[in-house]
Amino acid sequence: KGLSADTALVVAAELTERDALKAHAEAELGIDSGQQVSPGQAAISSFISFALGSLLPLVAITGPWIDFRIQATIFAVVLSLAITGFVGAKIGGAKSAKAVLRNVVVSALTMGVTYAIGSLVGSVHF
């Protein structure tokens, strides 16, 4: 990056003198070891996300519309996944359309595989 070969060797030697892995992570990968996430904070945010994300499907499952319960639940789950993807993208600074699509598609595939396995072992009854 604009350094002569001799200067680059000196800089590399000094940067890796104490902790080569940390120097490489910061210089090449942009990982700052000082920006660590608190495990407690991660657990609390996961709990809140799970609780809020489960509200719509819970209402759909327990609602009075017995004839449309499965369809209402599927719709509520997809809507909750889309909302979760959107909010997560906004908080993380990512593109929301990609996050919503990824969240909904991957989760729908996961639910489909789970349903198929349940059908194969005989634990799905409608």
Protein backbone atom coordinates (compact mmCIF):
# COMPACT_ATOMS: atom_id res chain seq x y z
CA LYS A 1 0.00 0.00 0.00
CA GLY A 2 2.53 2.53 -1.11
CA LEU A 3 5.45 1.31 1.01
CA SER A 4 8.82 0.24 -0.27
CA ALA A 5 9.72 -3.41 0.24
CA ASP A 6 12.22 -2.56 3.00
CA THR A 7 9.75 -0.34 4.87
CA ALA A 8 6.98 -2.94 4.48
CA LEU A 9 9.23 -5.60 6.07
CA VAL A 10 9.99 -3.31 9.02
CA VAL A 11 6.30 -2.46 9.49
CA ALA A 12 5.28 -6.13 9.24
CA ALA A 13 7.94 -7.15 11.75
CA GLU A 14 6.85 -4.50 14.24
CA LEU A 15 3.14 -5.23 13.85
CA THR A 16 3.58 -8.97 14.37
CA GLU A 17 6.17 -8.68 17.14
CA ARG A 18 3.66 -9.16 19.99
CA ASP A 19 0.56 -10.85 18.56
CA ALA A 20 0.75 -11.88 14.91
CA LEU A 21 -2.80 -13.24 14.81
CA LYS A 22 -4.28 -10.01 16.20
CA ALA A 23 -2.23 -7.90 13.77
CA HIS A 24 -3.35 -10.01 10.81
CA ALA A 25 -7.01 -9.95 11.89
CA GLU A 26 -6.95 -6.16 12.19
CA ALA A 27 -4.94 -5.39 9.03
CA GLU A 28 -6.29 -7.98 6.60
CA LEU A 29 -9.77 -8.79 7.87
CA GLY A 30 -10.79 -5.57 9.58
CA ILE A 31 -11.54 -7.37 12.85
CA ASP A 32 -11.03 -5.16 15.88
CA SER A 33 -10.50 -7.29 18.98
CA GLY A 34 -11.59 -4.37 21.16
CA GLN A 35 -15.15 -4.61 19.82
CA GLN A 36 -16.33 -7.71 21.61
CA VAL A 37 -19.98 -8.45 22.19
CA SER A 38 -21.15 -9.22 25.68
CA PRO A 39 -22.53 -12.78 25.98
CA GLY A 40 -25.14 -11.53 28.45
CA GLN A 41 -26.27 -8.81 26.08
CA ALA A 42 -26.45 -11.34 23.23
CA ALA A 43 -28.56 -13.67 25.37
CA ILE A 44 -30.97 -10.90 26.36
CA SER A 45 -31.37 -9.68 22.78
CA SER A 46 -31.96 -13.27 21.60
CA PHE A 47 -34.60 -13.75 24.28
CA ILE A 48 -36.39 -10.55 23.30
CA SER A 49 -36.20 -11.42 19.58
CA PHE A 50 -37.60 -14.89 20.20
CA ALA A 51 -40.43 -13.61 22.41
CA LEU A 52 -41.47 -10.86 20.01
CA GLY A 53 -41.05 -13.06 16.93
CA SER A 54 -43.31 -15.73 18.38
CA LEU A 55 -46.25 -13.42 19.11
CA LEU A 56 -47.85 -13.45 15.65
CA PRO A 57 -47.63 -17.24 15.19
CA LEU A 58 -48.95 -17.75 18.72
CA VAL A 59 -51.96 -15.56 18.01
CA ALA A 60 -52.53 -17.42 14.72
CA ILE A 61 -52.42 -20.82 16.39
CA THR A 62 -54.69 -19.89 19.29
CA GLY A 63 -57.12 -17.72 17.35
CA PRO A 64 -60.80 -18.55 16.83
CA TRP A 65 -60.42 -19.35 13.12
CA ILE A 66 -60.26 -23.15 13.41
CA ASP A 67 -60.95 -23.77 9.71
CA PHE A 68 -57.99 -21.60 8.64
CA ARG A 69 -55.60 -22.22 11.52
CA ILE A 70 -52.83 -23.82 9.43
CA GLN A 71 -52.97 -21.15 6.73
CA ALA A 72 -53.10 -18.36 9.33
CA THR A 73 -50.12 -19.85 11.14
CA ILE A 74 -48.05 -20.17 7.97
CA PHE A 75 -48.86 -16.58 7.04
CA ALA A 76 -48.03 -15.37 10.57
CA VAL A 77 -44.72 -17.26 10.60
CA VAL A 78 -43.67 -15.85 7.22
CA LEU A 79 -44.68 -12.35 8.32
CA SER A 80 -42.75 -12.72 11.58
CA LEU A 81 -39.68 -13.94 9.70
CA ALA A 82 -39.89 -10.99 7.31
CA ILE A 83 -40.19 -8.54 10.20
CA THR A 84 -37.30 -10.18 12.03
CA GLY A 85 -35.12 -10.04 8.91
CA PHE A 86 -36.02 -6.41 8.30
CA VAL A 87 -35.35 -5.28 11.87
CA GLY A 88 -32.13 -7.27 12.04
CA ALA A 89 -30.90 -5.72 8.81
CA LYS A 90 -31.73 -2.21 9.99
CA ILE A 91 -29.96 -2.75 13.30
CA GLY A 92 -26.94 -4.31 11.59
CA GLY A 93 -26.78 -1.79 8.76
CA ALA A 94 -27.35 -4.40 6.03
CA LYS A 95 -29.64 -4.29 3.00
CA SER A 96 -33.11 -5.10 4.26
CA ALA A 97 -34.50 -6.72 1.08
CA LYS A 98 -31.73 -9.33 1.00
CA ALA A 99 -32.04 -10.01 4.73
CA VAL A 100 -35.81 -10.45 4.53
CA LEU A 101 -35.58 -12.75 1.51
CA ARG A 102 -32.78 -14.82 3.05
CA ASN A 103 -34.56 -15.11 6.40
CA VAL A 104 -37.89 -16.14 4.86
CA VAL A 105 -36.48 -18.55 2.25
CA VAL A 106 -34.02 -20.35 4.55
CA SER A 107 -36.59 -20.62 7.33
CA ALA A 108 -39.31 -21.85 4.96
CA LEU A 109 -36.95 -24.52 3.62
CA THR A 110 -36.06 -25.52 7.17
CA MET A 111 -39.74 -25.79 8.11
CA GLY A 112 -40.42 -27.80 4.95
CA VAL A 113 -37.66 -30.27 5.73
CA THR A 114 -38.88 -30.56 9.32
CA TYR A 115 -42.44 -31.16 8.11
CA ALA A 116 -41.23 -33.80 5.64
CA ILE A 117 -39.27 -35.63 8.33
CA GLY A 118 -42.29 -35.48 10.64
CA SER A 119 -44.46 -36.91 7.87
CA LEU A 120 -42.01 -39.75 7.26
CA VAL A 121 -41.91 -40.80 10.90
CA GLY A 122 -45.64 -40.39 11.32
CA SER A 123 -45.72 -37.52 13.79
CA VAL A 124 -47.63 -35.03 11.58
CA HIS A 125 -51.41 -35.29 11.85
CA PHE A 126 -53.87 -32.86 10.28
